[in-house]
N, C-alpha and C. Protein backbone atom coordinates (compact mmCIF):
# COMPACT_ATOMS: atom_id res chain seq x y z
N UNK A 1 -15.67 8.37 24.35
CA UNK A 1 -14.25 8.56 24.06
C UNK A 1 -13.76 7.44 23.27
N UNK A 2 -13.84 6.22 23.91
CA UNK A 2 -13.32 5.01 23.32
C UNK A 2 -13.96 4.67 21.88
N UNK A 3 -15.28 4.78 21.89
CA UNK A 3 -15.83 4.60 20.58
C UNK A 3 -15.27 5.50 19.50
N UNK A 4 -15.13 6.80 19.78
CA UNK A 4 -14.72 7.71 18.81
C UNK A 4 -13.16 7.31 18.37
N UNK A 5 -12.39 6.95 19.36
CA UNK A 5 -11.05 6.67 18.98
C UNK A 5 -11.13 5.28 18.09
N UNK A 6 -11.85 4.31 18.44
CA UNK A 6 -11.96 3.23 17.61
C UNK A 6 -12.43 3.57 16.15
N UNK A 7 -13.47 4.28 16.13
CA UNK A 7 -13.99 4.60 14.88
C UNK A 7 -12.88 5.39 13.99
N UNK A 8 -12.23 6.34 14.54
CA UNK A 8 -11.18 6.93 13.79
C UNK A 8 -10.11 6.03 13.44
N UNK A 9 -9.68 5.07 14.21
CA UNK A 9 -8.55 4.17 14.00
C UNK A 9 -9.04 3.20 12.77
N UNK A 10 -10.31 2.74 12.93
CA UNK A 10 -10.78 1.91 11.84
C UNK A 10 -10.83 2.62 10.46
N UNK A 11 -11.19 3.94 10.29
CA UNK A 11 -11.17 4.57 9.19
C UNK A 11 -9.72 4.84 8.71
N UNK A 12 -9.01 5.27 9.65
CA UNK A 12 -7.48 5.47 9.16
C UNK A 12 -6.93 4.17 8.68
N UNK A 13 -7.12 3.04 9.30
CA UNK A 13 -6.64 1.72 8.81
C UNK A 13 -7.09 1.43 7.47
N UNK A 14 -8.38 1.63 7.10
CA UNK A 14 -9.02 1.26 5.91
C UNK A 14 -8.37 2.24 4.69
N UNK A 15 -8.18 3.47 5.10
CA UNK A 15 -7.65 4.45 4.29
C UNK A 15 -6.12 4.26 3.95
N UNK A 16 -5.42 3.81 4.97
CA UNK A 16 -3.91 3.55 4.72
C UNK A 16 -3.86 2.28 3.89
N UNK A 17 -4.76 1.30 4.23
CA UNK A 17 -4.60 0.07 3.24
C UNK A 17 -4.96 0.26 1.80
N UNK A 18 -5.92 1.08 1.63
CA UNK A 18 -6.21 1.43 0.31
C UNK A 18 -5.16 2.27 -0.40
N UNK A 19 -4.47 3.27 0.32
CA UNK A 19 -3.38 4.19 -0.20
C UNK A 19 -2.32 3.23 -0.53
N UNK A 20 -1.94 2.11 0.16
CA UNK A 20 -0.78 1.32 0.19
C UNK A 20 -1.00 0.47 -0.98
N UNK A 21 -2.23 -0.14 -1.35
CA UNK A 21 -2.43 -0.85 -2.58
C UNK A 21 -2.30 -0.03 -3.75
N UNK A 22 -3.03 1.18 -3.75
CA UNK A 22 -2.98 2.02 -4.86
C UNK A 22 -1.51 2.60 -5.15
N UNK A 23 -0.70 2.76 -4.16
CA UNK A 23 0.74 3.19 -4.18
C UNK A 23 1.56 1.93 -5.01
N UNK A 24 1.21 0.85 -4.58
CA UNK A 24 2.04 -0.33 -5.33
C UNK A 24 1.55 -0.46 -6.56
N UNK A 25 0.35 -0.30 -6.97
CA UNK A 25 -0.18 -0.45 -8.33
C UNK A 25 0.33 0.48 -9.19
N UNK A 26 0.50 1.82 -8.73
CA UNK A 26 1.12 2.96 -9.35
C UNK A 26 2.50 2.74 -9.57
N UNK A 27 3.31 2.31 -8.72
CA UNK A 27 4.62 2.13 -8.80
C UNK A 27 5.17 1.07 -9.63
N UNK A 28 4.22 -0.09 -9.69
CA UNK A 28 4.79 -1.24 -10.53
C UNK A 28 4.07 -1.13 -11.95
N UNK A 29 3.31 -0.29 -12.30
CA UNK A 29 2.63 -0.17 -13.55
C UNK A 29 3.70 -0.14 -14.65
N UNK A 30 3.77 -0.99 -15.51
CA UNK A 30 4.74 -0.81 -16.62
C UNK A 30 6.15 -1.41 -16.29
N UNK A 31 6.25 -2.00 -15.11
CA UNK A 31 7.51 -2.68 -14.80
C UNK A 31 7.68 -4.07 -15.22
N UNK A 32 8.72 -4.40 -15.86
CA UNK A 32 8.85 -5.84 -16.28
C UNK A 32 8.79 -6.71 -15.03
N UNK A 33 8.38 -7.96 -15.18
CA UNK A 33 8.13 -8.94 -14.10
C UNK A 33 9.59 -9.27 -13.55
N UNK A 34 10.59 -9.24 -14.18
CA UNK A 34 11.90 -9.63 -13.71
C UNK A 34 12.48 -8.48 -12.79
N UNK A 35 11.94 -7.22 -12.95
CA UNK A 35 12.28 -6.13 -12.15
C UNK A 35 11.26 -5.66 -11.09
N UNK A 36 10.21 -6.54 -10.89
CA UNK A 36 9.31 -6.13 -9.90
C UNK A 36 9.44 -6.72 -8.58
N UNK A 37 10.40 -7.64 -8.36
CA UNK A 37 10.58 -8.39 -7.20
C UNK A 37 11.34 -7.48 -6.06
N UNK A 38 11.22 -7.88 -4.93
CA UNK A 38 11.69 -7.20 -3.66
C UNK A 38 13.22 -7.30 -3.78
N UNK A 39 13.87 -8.43 -4.16
CA UNK A 39 15.34 -8.61 -4.13
C UNK A 39 15.90 -8.52 -5.52
N UNK A 40 15.18 -7.72 -6.27
CA UNK A 40 15.48 -7.38 -7.82
C UNK A 40 17.05 -6.94 -7.90
N UNK A 41 17.89 -7.42 -8.88
CA UNK A 41 19.19 -7.01 -9.00
C UNK A 41 19.07 -6.41 -10.40
N UNK A 42 19.32 -5.19 -10.52
CA UNK A 42 19.39 -4.45 -11.92
C UNK A 42 20.54 -4.82 -12.55
N UNK A 43 20.69 -5.17 -13.78
CA UNK A 43 21.73 -5.46 -14.71
C UNK A 43 22.75 -4.26 -14.77
């Protein structure tokens, strides 16, 4: 039981990490560097 849970959590963690990185790349593609920051202030 524990091994199955650990395996599932590891697969889930890798998948979520890959999805987060891919989402960030997709969201920031074509955005100017001055608008890509966390505390960006739109003019």
